[in-house]
């Protein structure tokens, strides 16, 4: 986990969309998805629930995002 992973997670949470977050961060959507998945695996939690209408934050994700935003 590094600062870039935190920045990515916060932007995805703010936009509730991987596509919109990727646009805002100037990265490709597949790379952003891969980075978020790697972050979740390294932490051993699920930060986001992916749906056809976007992403929502899990309770564990909310706790992690509070930490990420403070950094």
Protein backbone atom coordinates (compact mmCIF):
# COMPACT_ATOMS: atom_id res chain seq x y z
CA UNK A 1 0.00 0.00 0.00
CA UNK A 2 1.26 3.45 -0.85
CA UNK A 3 -0.06 7.00 -0.99
CA UNK A 4 -1.21 6.52 -4.58
CA UNK A 5 -3.47 3.63 -3.52
CA UNK A 6 -5.01 5.87 -0.85
CA UNK A 7 -5.57 8.66 -3.36
CA UNK A 8 -7.23 6.23 -5.77
CA UNK A 9 -9.54 4.80 -3.09
CA UNK A 10 -10.63 8.25 -1.92
CA UNK A 11 -11.39 9.39 -5.47
CA UNK A 12 -13.43 6.26 -6.21
CA UNK A 13 -15.40 6.85 -3.00
CA UNK A 14 -15.97 10.51 -3.88
CA UNK A 15 -17.26 9.75 -7.38
CA UNK A 16 -18.95 6.38 -6.67
CA UNK A 17 -17.68 5.33 -10.08
CA UNK A 18 -14.51 3.64 -11.27
CA UNK A 19 -14.87 5.20 -14.71
CA UNK A 20 -15.32 8.77 -13.44
CA UNK A 21 -12.51 8.34 -10.90
CA UNK A 22 -10.20 7.06 -13.63
CA UNK A 23 -11.00 10.13 -15.75
CA UNK A 24 -10.34 12.48 -12.82
CA UNK A 25 -7.05 10.74 -11.98
CA UNK A 26 -5.92 10.54 -15.63
CA UNK A 27 -5.42 6.76 -15.49
CA UNK A 28 -7.10 3.96 -17.40
CA UNK A 29 -10.08 2.30 -15.78
CA UNK A 30 -8.50 -1.20 -15.88
CA UNK A 31 -5.37 0.08 -14.10
CA UNK A 32 -7.48 1.79 -11.46
CA UNK A 33 -9.57 -1.35 -10.92
CA UNK A 34 -6.41 -3.43 -10.61
CA UNK A 35 -4.90 -1.00 -8.09
CA UNK A 36 -8.05 -1.02 -5.95
CA UNK A 37 -8.20 -4.82 -6.07
CA UNK A 38 -4.51 -5.04 -5.04
CA UNK A 39 -5.18 -2.64 -2.16
CA UNK A 40 -8.14 -4.70 -0.98
CA UNK A 41 -6.10 -7.90 -1.17
CA UNK A 42 -3.15 -6.41 0.73
CA UNK A 43 -5.48 -5.18 3.49
CA UNK A 44 -7.59 -8.32 3.53
CA UNK A 45 -10.86 -6.35 3.37
CA UNK A 46 -13.40 -5.36 0.74
CA UNK A 47 -13.50 -1.56 0.47
CA UNK A 48 -16.03 -1.29 -2.35
CA UNK A 49 -19.03 -3.30 -3.52
CA UNK A 50 -19.16 -3.19 -7.28
CA UNK A 51 -22.59 -3.01 -8.90
CA UNK A 52 -23.93 -2.24 -12.35
CA UNK A 53 -24.77 1.28 -11.09
CA UNK A 54 -21.31 2.04 -9.73
CA UNK A 55 -19.55 1.29 -6.48
CA UNK A 56 -20.66 1.57 -2.89
CA UNK A 57 -18.52 1.54 0.21
CA UNK A 58 -18.63 -1.35 2.67
CA UNK A 59 -18.60 -0.70 6.44
CA UNK A 60 -14.93 -1.76 6.54
CA UNK A 61 -14.34 0.49 3.56
CA UNK A 62 -15.81 3.48 5.39
CA UNK A 63 -13.41 2.90 8.28
CA UNK A 64 -10.47 2.60 5.90
CA UNK A 65 -11.49 5.70 3.93
CA UNK A 66 -11.66 7.78 7.11
CA UNK A 67 -8.05 6.78 7.73
CA UNK A 68 -7.07 7.43 4.09
CA UNK A 69 -8.66 10.88 4.08
CA UNK A 70 -6.81 11.86 7.25
CA UNK A 71 -3.52 11.15 5.49
